[in-house]
Amino acid sequence: MLDAIDQQGKAVDPQQYRLLVDKLNAELREHQAHPALDELLPHFPAAAELYENLQYAHAGLVRTPLELSLSSELAAREALAKMASRD
């Protein structure tokens, strides 16, 4: 529902929007250890962003897979090293 509201581009009542966000935050907190959450959140970007914001204080950007981040950093270092060796 939150994704649909965000995508419609129309003005919504701020109190209703806040109520929806608060309800979704409460549900995410209650079920944050549920194994299906990792499969569900990619289909609902607004909910995934809220979940990440809830976790940020102690886990940083938790929805970004560590392996992907690490491999991207290593690839960038390798590319920079290759460019430096050409000079």
PDB file of N, CA and C in Angstrom:
ATOM      1  N   MET A   1       0.813  -1.182   0.000  1.00  0.00           N
ATOM      2  CA  MET A   1       0.000   0.000   0.000  1.00  0.00           C
ATOM      3  C   MET A   1       0.869   1.262   0.000  1.00  0.00           C
ATOM      4  N   LEU A   2       1.939   1.256   0.779  1.00  0.00           N
ATOM      5  CA  LEU A   2       2.828   2.417   0.839  1.00  0.00           C
ATOM      6  C   LEU A   2       3.480   2.673  -0.516  1.00  0.00           C
ATOM      7  N   ASP A   3       3.892   1.620  -1.193  1.00  0.00           N
ATOM      8  CA  ASP A   3       4.476   1.780  -2.529  1.00  0.00           C
ATOM      9  C   ASP A   3       3.467   2.393  -3.496  1.00  0.00           C
ATOM     10  N   ALA A   4       2.227   1.949  -3.433  1.00  0.00           N
ATOM     11  CA  ALA A   4       1.189   2.481  -4.320  1.00  0.00           C
ATOM     12  C   ALA A   4       0.959   3.963  -4.058  1.00  0.00           C
ATOM     13  N   ILE A   5       0.934   4.356  -2.809  1.00  0.00           N
ATOM     14  CA  ILE A   5       0.753   5.770  -2.468  1.00  0.00           C
ATOM     15  C   ILE A   5       1.932   6.589  -2.965  1.00  0.00           C
ATOM     16  N   ASP A   6       3.136   6.086  -2.750  1.00  0.00           N
ATOM     17  CA  ASP A   6       4.333   6.810  -3.191  1.00  0.00           C
ATOM     18  C   ASP A   6       4.373   6.963  -4.709  1.00  0.00           C
ATOM     19  N   GLN A   7       3.898   5.965  -5.431  1.00  0.00           N
ATOM     20  CA  GLN A   7       3.978   5.981  -6.891  1.00  0.00           C
ATOM     21  C   GLN A   7       2.852   6.755  -7.566  1.00  0.00           C
ATOM     22  N   GLN A   8       1.766   6.994  -6.859  1.00  0.00           N
ATOM     23  CA  GLN A   8       0.628   7.651  -7.510  1.00  0.00           C
ATOM     24  C   GLN A   8       0.883   9.123  -7.792  1.00  0.00           C
ATOM     25  N   GLY A   9       1.773   9.752  -7.057  1.00  0.00           N
ATOM     26  CA  GLY A   9       2.117  11.141  -7.333  1.00  0.00           C
ATOM     27  C   GLY A   9       1.073  12.151  -6.901  1.00  0.00           C
ATOM     28  N   LYS A  10       0.032  11.713  -6.238  1.00  0.00           N
ATOM     29  CA  LYS A  10      -1.005  12.625  -5.758  1.00  0.00           C
ATOM     30  C   LYS A  10      -0.757  12.951  -4.287  1.00  0.00           C
ATOM     31  N   ALA A  11      -1.239  14.101  -3.882  1.00  0.00           N
ATOM     32  CA  ALA A  11      -1.118  14.490  -2.480  1.00  0.00           C
ATOM     33  C   ALA A  11      -1.993  13.582  -1.615  1.00  0.00           C
ATOM     34  N   VAL A  12      -1.446  13.182  -0.492  1.00  0.00           N
ATOM     35  CA  VAL A  12      -2.203  12.376   0.465  1.00  0.00           C
ATOM     36  C   VAL A  12      -2.213  13.115   1.796  1.00  0.00           C
ATOM     37  N   ASP A  13      -3.160  12.772   2.614  1.00  0.00           N
ATOM     38  CA  ASP A  13      -3.251  13.389   3.929  1.00  0.00           C
ATOM     39  C   ASP A  13      -2.013  13.006   4.747  1.00  0.00           C
ATOM     40  N   PRO A  14      -1.265  13.979   5.248  1.00  0.00           N
ATOM     41  CA  PRO A  14      -0.035  13.677   5.988  1.00  0.00           C
ATOM     42  C   PRO A  14      -0.268  12.809   7.219  1.00  0.00           C
ATOM     43  N   GLN A  15      -1.381  13.015   7.903  1.00  0.00           N
ATOM     44  CA  GLN A  15      -1.660  12.207   9.096  1.00  0.00           C
ATOM     45  C   GLN A  15      -1.939  10.755   8.725  1.00  0.00           C
ATOM     46  N   GLN A  16      -2.667  10.544   7.644  1.00  0.00           N
ATOM     47  CA  GLN A  16      -2.940   9.174   7.205  1.00  0.00           C
ATOM     48  C   GLN A  16      -1.656   8.485   6.743  1.00  0.00           C
ATOM     49  N   TYR A  17      -0.809   9.233   6.036  1.00  0.00           N
ATOM     50  CA  TYR A  17       0.462   8.677   5.570  1.00  0.00           C
ATOM     51  C   TYR A  17       1.320   8.288   6.771  1.00  0.00           C
ATOM     52  N   ARG A  18       1.399   9.173   7.757  1.00  0.00           N
ATOM     53  CA  ARG A  18       2.201   8.901   8.954  1.00  0.00           C
ATOM     54  C   ARG A  18       1.654   7.692   9.702  1.00  0.00           C
ATOM     55  N   LEU A  19       0.331   7.590   9.781  1.00  0.00           N
ATOM     56  CA  LEU A  19      -0.293   6.450  10.441  1.00  0.00           C
ATOM     57  C   LEU A  19       0.082   5.143   9.739  1.00  0.00           C
ATOM     58  N   LEU A  20       0.050   5.149   8.422  1.00  0.00           N
ATOM     59  CA  LEU A  20       0.431   3.969   7.645  1.00  0.00           C
ATOM     60  C   LEU A  20       1.901   3.610   7.881  1.00  0.00           C
ATOM     61  N   VAL A  21       2.777   4.604   7.852  1.00  0.00           N
ATOM     62  CA  VAL A  21       4.204   4.364   8.085  1.00  0.00           C
ATOM     63  C   VAL A  21       4.432   3.831   9.498  1.00  0.00           C
ATOM     64  N   ASP A  22       3.760   4.411  10.482  1.00  0.00           N
ATOM     65  CA  ASP A  22       3.905   3.939  11.864  1.00  0.00           C
ATOM     66  C   ASP A  22       3.436   2.497  12.015  1.00  0.00           C
ATOM     67  N   LYS A  23       2.328   2.158  11.366  1.00  0.00           N
ATOM     68  CA  LYS A  23       1.808   0.784  11.430  1.00  0.00           C
ATOM     69  C   LYS A  23       2.784  -0.196  10.772  1.00  0.00           C
ATOM     70  N   LEU A  24       3.308   0.184   9.622  1.00  0.00           N
ATOM     71  CA  LEU A  24       4.272  -0.673   8.933  1.00  0.00           C
ATOM     72  C   LEU A  24       5.551  -0.824   9.756  1.00  0.00           C
ATOM     73  N   ASN A  25       6.024   0.264  10.352  1.00  0.00           N
ATOM     74  CA  ASN A  25       7.204   0.188  11.218  1.00  0.00           C
ATOM     75  C   ASN A  25       6.971  -0.766  12.386  1.00  0.00           C
ATOM     76  N   ALA A  26       5.793  -0.699  12.995  1.00  0.00           N
ATOM     77  CA  ALA A  26       5.471  -1.586  14.113  1.00  0.00           C
ATOM     78  C   ALA A  26       5.482  -3.046  13.666  1.00  0.00           C
ATOM     79  N   GLU A  27       4.907  -3.324  12.503  1.00  0.00           N
ATOM     80  CA  GLU A  27       4.900  -4.698  11.981  1.00  0.00           C
ATOM     81  C   GLU A  27       6.319  -5.178  11.670  1.00  0.00           C
ATOM     82  N   LEU A  28       7.127  -4.305  11.088  1.00  0.00           N
ATOM     83  CA  LEU A  28       8.506  -4.680  10.766  1.00  0.00           C
ATOM     84  C   LEU A  28       9.308  -4.956  12.032  1.00  0.00           C
ATOM     85  N   ARG A  29       9.112  -4.148  13.061  1.00  0.00           N
ATOM     86  CA  ARG A  29       9.807  -4.391  14.332  1.00  0.00           C
ATOM     87  C   ARG A  29       9.389  -5.732  14.930  1.00  0.00           C
ATOM     88  N   GLU A  30       8.092  -6.002  14.896  1.00  0.00           N
ATOM     89  CA  GLU A  30       7.568  -7.229  15.497  1.00  0.00           C
ATOM     90  C   GLU A  30       8.066  -8.480  14.778  1.00  0.00           C
ATOM     91  N   HIS A  31       8.244  -8.394  13.473  1.00  0.00           N
ATOM     92  CA  HIS A  31       8.584  -9.579  12.680  1.00  0.00           C
ATOM     93  C   HIS A  31       9.985  -9.513  12.076  1.00  0.00           C
ATOM     94  N   GLN A  32      10.868  -8.696  12.647  1.00  0.00           N
ATOM     95  CA  GLN A  32      12.174  -8.497  12.029  1.00  0.00           C
ATOM     96  C   GLN A  32      13.036  -9.755  11.966  1.00  0.00           C
ATOM     97  N   ALA A  33      12.771 -10.726  12.789  1.00  0.00           N
ATOM     98  CA  ALA A  33      13.557 -11.965  12.743  1.00  0.00           C
ATOM     99  C   ALA A  33      12.901 -13.052  11.886  1.00  0.00           C
ATOM    100  N   HIS A  34      11.776 -12.744  11.283  1.00  0.00           N
ATOM    101  CA  HIS A  34      11.063 -13.757  10.492  1.00  0.00           C
ATOM    102  C   HIS A  34      11.877 -14.104   9.243  1.00  0.00           C
ATOM    103  N   PRO A  35      12.066 -15.391   8.975  1.00  0.00           N
ATOM    104  CA  PRO A  35      12.894 -15.802   7.834  1.00  0.00           C
ATOM    105  C   PRO A  35      12.353 -15.372   6.466  1.00  0.00           C
ATOM    106  N   ALA A  36      11.070 -15.149   6.343  1.00  0.00           N
ATOM    107  CA  ALA A  36      10.493 -14.766   5.046  1.00  0.00           C
ATOM    108  C   ALA A  36      10.708 -13.294   4.719  1.00  0.00           C
ATOM    109  N   LEU A  37      11.151 -12.516   5.684  1.00  0.00           N
ATOM    110  CA  LEU A  37      11.309 -11.078   5.469  1.00  0.00           C
ATOM    111  C   LEU A  37      12.302 -10.775   4.354  1.00  0.00           C
ATOM    112  N   ASP A  38      13.388 -11.528   4.287  1.00  0.00           N
ATOM    113  CA  ASP A  38      14.390 -11.302   3.238  1.00  0.00           C
ATOM    114  C   ASP A  38      13.836 -11.573   1.837  1.00  0.00           C
ATOM    115  N   GLU A  39      12.876 -12.450   1.735  1.00  0.00           N
ATOM    116  CA  GLU A  39      12.260 -12.733   0.433  1.00  0.00           C
ATOM    117  C   GLU A  39      11.145 -11.741   0.111  1.00  0.00           C
ATOM    118  N   LEU A  40      10.524 -11.205   1.131  1.00  0.00           N
ATOM    119  CA  LEU A  40       9.387 -10.310   0.952  1.00  0.00           C
ATOM    120  C   LEU A  40       9.804  -8.875   0.626  1.00  0.00           C
ATOM    121  N   LEU A  41      10.789  -8.349   1.332  1.00  0.00           N
ATOM    122  CA  LEU A  41      11.148  -6.937   1.200  1.00  0.00           C
ATOM    123  C   LEU A  41      11.591  -6.500  -0.196  1.00  0.00           C
ATOM    124  N   PRO A  42      12.293  -7.317  -0.967  1.00  0.00           N
ATOM    125  CA  PRO A  42      12.664  -6.865  -2.311  1.00  0.00           C
ATOM    126  C   PRO A  42      11.465  -6.531  -3.213  1.00  0.00           C
ATOM    127  N   HIS A  43      10.311  -7.063  -2.893  1.00  0.00           N
ATOM    128  CA  HIS A  43       9.113  -6.808  -3.691  1.00  0.00           C
ATOM    129  C   HIS A  43       8.378  -5.533  -3.262  1.00  0.00           C
ATOM    130  N   PHE A  44       8.789  -4.970  -2.128  1.00  0.00           N
ATOM    131  CA  PHE A  44       8.139  -3.775  -1.585  1.00  0.00           C
ATOM    132  C   PHE A  44       9.209  -2.763  -1.184  1.00  0.00           C
ATOM    133  N   PRO A  45       9.690  -1.974  -2.141  1.00  0.00           N
ATOM    134  CA  PRO A  45      10.812  -1.063  -1.887  1.00  0.00           C
ATOM    135  C   PRO A  45      10.585  -0.077  -0.738  1.00  0.00           C
ATOM    136  N   ALA A  46       9.389   0.449  -0.593  1.00  0.00           N
ATOM    137  CA  ALA A  46       9.136   1.405   0.494  1.00  0.00           C
ATOM    138  C   ALA A  46       9.263   0.717   1.852  1.00  0.00           C
ATOM    139  N   ALA A  47       8.746  -0.493   1.960  1.00  0.00           N
ATOM    140  CA  ALA A  47       8.864  -1.248   3.208  1.00  0.00           C
ATOM    141  C   ALA A  47      10.321  -1.616   3.473  1.00  0.00           C
ATOM    142  N   ALA A  48      11.052  -1.971   2.430  1.00  0.00           N
ATOM    143  CA  ALA A  48      12.470  -2.301   2.587  1.00  0.00           C
ATOM    144  C   ALA A  48      13.252  -1.094   3.090  1.00  0.00           C
ATOM    145  N   GLU A  49      12.918   0.076   2.582  1.00  0.00           N
ATOM    146  CA  GLU A  49      13.600   1.296   3.026  1.00  0.00           C
ATOM    147  C   GLU A  49      13.280   1.594   4.493  1.00  0.00           C
ATOM    148  N   LEU A  50      12.032   1.422   4.888  1.00  0.00           N
ATOM    149  CA  LEU A  50      11.668   1.607   6.293  1.00  0.00           C
ATOM    150  C   LEU A  50      12.412   0.617   7.176  1.00  0.00           C
ATOM    151  N   TYR A  51      12.482  -0.638   6.742  1.00  0.00           N
ATOM    152  CA  TYR A  51      13.187  -1.665   7.511  1.00  0.00           C
ATOM    153  C   TYR A  51      14.656  -1.298   7.677  1.00  0.00           C
ATOM    154  N   GLU A  52      15.268  -0.859   6.603  1.00  0.00           N
ATOM    155  CA  GLU A  52      16.673  -0.472   6.667  1.00  0.00           C
ATOM    156  C   GLU A  52      16.864   0.700   7.625  1.00  0.00           C
ATOM    157  N   ASN A  53      15.956   1.661   7.593  1.00  0.00           N
ATOM    158  CA  ASN A  53      16.043   2.796   8.506  1.00  0.00           C
ATOM    159  C   ASN A  53      15.905   2.353   9.957  1.00  0.00           C
ATOM    160  N   LEU A  54      15.047   1.366  10.216  1.00  0.00           N
ATOM    161  CA  LEU A  54      14.896   0.849  11.577  1.00  0.00           C
ATOM    162  C   LEU A  54      16.179   0.180  12.062  1.00  0.00           C
ATOM    163  N   GLN A  55      16.890  -0.474  11.165  1.00  0.00           N
ATOM    164  CA  GLN A  55      18.092  -1.225  11.525  1.00  0.00           C
ATOM    165  C   GLN A  55      19.367  -0.390  11.485  1.00  0.00           C
ATOM    166  N   TYR A  56      19.316   0.786  10.901  1.00  0.00           N
ATOM    167  CA  TYR A  56      20.522   1.570  10.614  1.00  0.00           C
ATOM    168  C   TYR A  56      21.340   1.891  11.859  1.00  0.00           C
ATOM    169  N   ALA A  57      20.698   2.192  12.969  1.00  0.00           N
ATOM    170  CA  ALA A  57      21.412   2.608  14.182  1.00  0.00           C
ATOM    171  C   ALA A  57      22.439   1.574  14.641  1.00  0.00           C
ATOM    172  N   HIS A  58      22.145   0.303  14.455  1.00  0.00           N
ATOM    173  CA  HIS A  58      23.087  -0.719  14.927  1.00  0.00           C
ATOM    174  C   HIS A  58      23.656  -1.598  13.821  1.00  0.00           C
ATOM    175  N   ALA A  59      23.140  -1.482  12.604  1.00  0.00           N
ATOM    176  CA  ALA A  59      23.626  -2.381  11.555  1.00  0.00           C
ATOM    177  C   ALA A  59      24.012  -1.677  10.266  1.00  0.00           C
ATOM    178  N   GLY A  60      23.822  -0.390  10.174  1.00  0.00           N
ATOM    179  CA  GLY A  60      24.146   0.310   8.935  1.00  0.00           C
ATOM    180  C   GLY A  60      23.176  -0.070   7.835  1.00  0.00           C
ATOM    181  N   LEU A  61      23.669  -0.119   6.626  1.00  0.00           N
ATOM    182  CA  LEU A  61      22.813  -0.438   5.481  1.00  0.00           C
ATOM    183  C   LEU A  61      22.664  -1.949   5.361  1.00  0.00           C
ATOM    184  N   VAL A  62      21.729  -2.497   6.114  1.00  0.00           N
ATOM    185  CA  VAL A  62      21.600  -3.948   6.225  1.00  0.00           C
ATOM    186  C   VAL A  62      21.024  -4.625   4.993  1.00  0.00           C
ATOM    187  N   ARG A  63      20.351  -3.907   4.129  1.00  0.00           N
ATOM    188  CA  ARG A  63      19.761  -4.533   2.952  1.00  0.00           C
ATOM    189  C   ARG A  63      20.765  -4.688   1.818  1.00  0.00           C
ATOM    190  N   THR A  64      21.952  -4.102   1.974  1.00  0.00           N
ATOM    191  CA  THR A  64      22.984  -4.228   0.957  1.00  0.00           C
ATOM    192  C   THR A  64      23.824  -5.457   1.290  1.00  0.00           C
ATOM    193  N   PRO A  65      23.802  -6.472   0.451  1.00  0.00           N
ATOM    194  CA  PRO A  65      24.570  -7.682   0.753  1.00  0.00           C
ATOM    195  C   PRO A  65      26.062  -7.390   0.898  1.00  0.00           C
ATOM    196  N   LEU A  66      26.655  -7.910   1.956  1.00  0.00           N
ATOM    197  CA  LEU A  66      28.062  -7.671   2.243  1.00  0.00           C
ATOM    198  C   LEU A  66      28.954  -8.169   1.114  1.00  0.00           C
ATOM    199  N   GLU A  67      28.647  -9.338   0.564  1.00  0.00           N
ATOM    200  CA  GLU A  67      29.481  -9.892  -0.503  1.00  0.00           C
ATOM    201  C   GLU A  67      29.513  -8.964  -1.715  1.00  0.00           C
ATOM    202  N   LEU A  68      28.358  -8.404  -2.064  1.00  0.00           N
ATOM    203  CA  LEU A  68      28.283  -7.495  -3.202  1.00  0.00           C
ATOM    204  C   LEU A  68      29.093  -6.235  -2.933  1.00  0.00           C
ATOM    205  N   SER A  69      28.965  -5.689  -1.738  1.00  0.00           N
ATOM    206  CA  SER A  69      29.724  -4.488  -1.389  1.00  0.00           C
ATOM    207  C   SER A  69      31.220  -4.762  -1.416  1.00  0.00           C
ATOM    208  N   LEU A  70      31.625  -5.879  -0.844  1.00  0.00           N
ATOM    209  CA  LEU A  70      33.040  -6.225  -0.796  1.00  0.00           C
ATOM    210  C   LEU A  70      33.591  -6.486  -2.188  1.00  0.00           C
ATOM    211  N   SER A  71      32.868  -7.225  -3.007  1.00  0.00           N
ATOM    212  CA  SER A  71      33.372  -7.518  -4.352  1.00  0.00           C
ATOM    213  C   SER A  71      33.443  -6.250  -5.197  1.00  0.00           C
ATOM    214  N   SER A  72      32.515  -5.324  -5.000  1.00  0.00           N
ATOM    215  CA  SER A  72      32.565  -4.047  -5.722  1.00  0.00           C
ATOM    216  C   SER A  72      33.792  -3.246  -5.317  1.00  0.00           C
ATOM    217  N   GLU A  73      34.072  -3.220  -4.031  1.00  0.00           N
ATOM    218  CA  GLU A  73      35.250  -2.487  -3.554  1.00  0.00           C
ATOM    219  C   GLU A  73      36.534  -3.115  -4.082  1.00  0.00           C
ATOM    220  N   LEU A  74      36.620  -4.429  -4.053  1.00  0.00           N
ATOM    221  CA  LEU A  74      37.819  -5.104  -4.550  1.00  0.00           C
ATOM    222  C   LEU A  74      37.999  -4.886  -6.050  1.00  0.00           C
ATOM    223  N   ALA A  75      36.915  -4.914  -6.802  1.00  0.00           N
ATOM    224  CA  ALA A  75      36.994  -4.674  -8.244  1.00  0.00           C
ATOM    225  C   ALA A  75      37.454  -3.248  -8.533  1.00  0.00           C
ATOM    226  N   ALA A  76      36.971  -2.302  -7.756  1.00  0.00           N
ATOM    227  CA  ALA A  76      37.393  -0.908  -7.939  1.00  0.00           C
ATOM    228  C   ALA A  76      38.875  -0.748  -7.631  1.00  0.00           C
ATOM    229  N   ARG A  77      39.340  -1.370  -6.566  1.00  0.00           N
ATOM    230  CA  ARG A  77      40.770  -1.302  -6.225  1.00  0.00           C
ATOM    231  C   ARG A  77      41.631  -1.917  -7.327  1.00  0.00           C
ATOM    232  N   GLU A  78      41.177  -3.051  -7.846  1.00  0.00           N
ATOM    233  CA  GLU A  78      41.924  -3.724  -8.913  1.00  0.00           C
ATOM    234  C   GLU A  78      41.986  -2.849 -10.167  1.00  0.00           C
ATOM    235  N   ALA A  79      40.872  -2.241 -10.521  1.00  0.00           N
ATOM    236  CA  ALA A  79      40.836  -1.369 -11.700  1.00  0.00           C
ATOM    237  C   ALA A  79      41.751  -0.162 -11.512  1.00  0.00           C
ATOM    238  N   LEU A  80      41.745   0.419 -10.331  1.00  0.00           N
ATOM    239  CA  LEU A  80      42.621   1.564 -10.050  1.00  0.00           C
ATOM    240  C   LEU A  80      44.094   1.156 -10.103  1.00  0.00           C
ATOM    241  N   ALA A  81      44.402  -0.029  -9.587  1.00  0.00           N
ATOM    242  CA  ALA A  81      45.782  -0.510  -9.622  1.00  0.00           C
ATOM    243  C   ALA A  81      46.240  -0.736 -11.060  1.00  0.00           C
ATOM    244  N   LYS A  82      45.372  -1.286 -11.902  1.00  0.00           N
ATOM    245  CA  LYS A  82      45.718  -1.503 -13.310  1.00  0.00           C
ATOM    246  C   LYS A  82      45.960  -0.177 -14.018  1.00  0.00           C
ATOM    247  N   MET A  83      45.115   0.799 -13.756  1.00  0.00           N
ATOM    248  CA  MET A  83      45.286   2.110 -14.386  1.00  0.00           C
ATOM    249  C   MET A  83      46.569   2.782 -13.908  1.00  0.00           C
ATOM    250  N   ALA A  84      46.899   2.616 -12.643  1.00  0.00           N
ATOM    251  CA  ALA A  84      48.109   3.224 -12.098  1.00  0.00           C
ATOM    252  C   ALA A  84      49.358   2.574 -12.685  1.00  0.00           C
ATOM    253  N   SER A  85      49.295   1.274 -12.964  1.00  0.00           N
ATOM    254  CA  SER A  85      50.471   0.582 -13.503  1.00  0.00           C
ATOM    255  C   SER A  85      50.715   0.917 -14.972  1.00  0.00           C
ATOM    256  N   ARG A  86      49.724   1.426 -15.665  1.00  0.00           N
ATOM    257  CA  ARG A  86      49.875   1.808 -17.073  1.00  0.00           C
ATOM    258  C   ARG A  86      50.652   3.107 -17.225  1.00  0.00           C
ATOM    259  N   ASP A  87      50.643   3.933 -16.210  1.00  0.00           N
ATOM    260  CA  ASP A  87      51.326   5.236 -16.308  1.00  0.00           C
ATOM    261  C   ASP A  87      52.800   5.133 -16.166  1.00  0.00           C
TER     262      ASP A  87
END
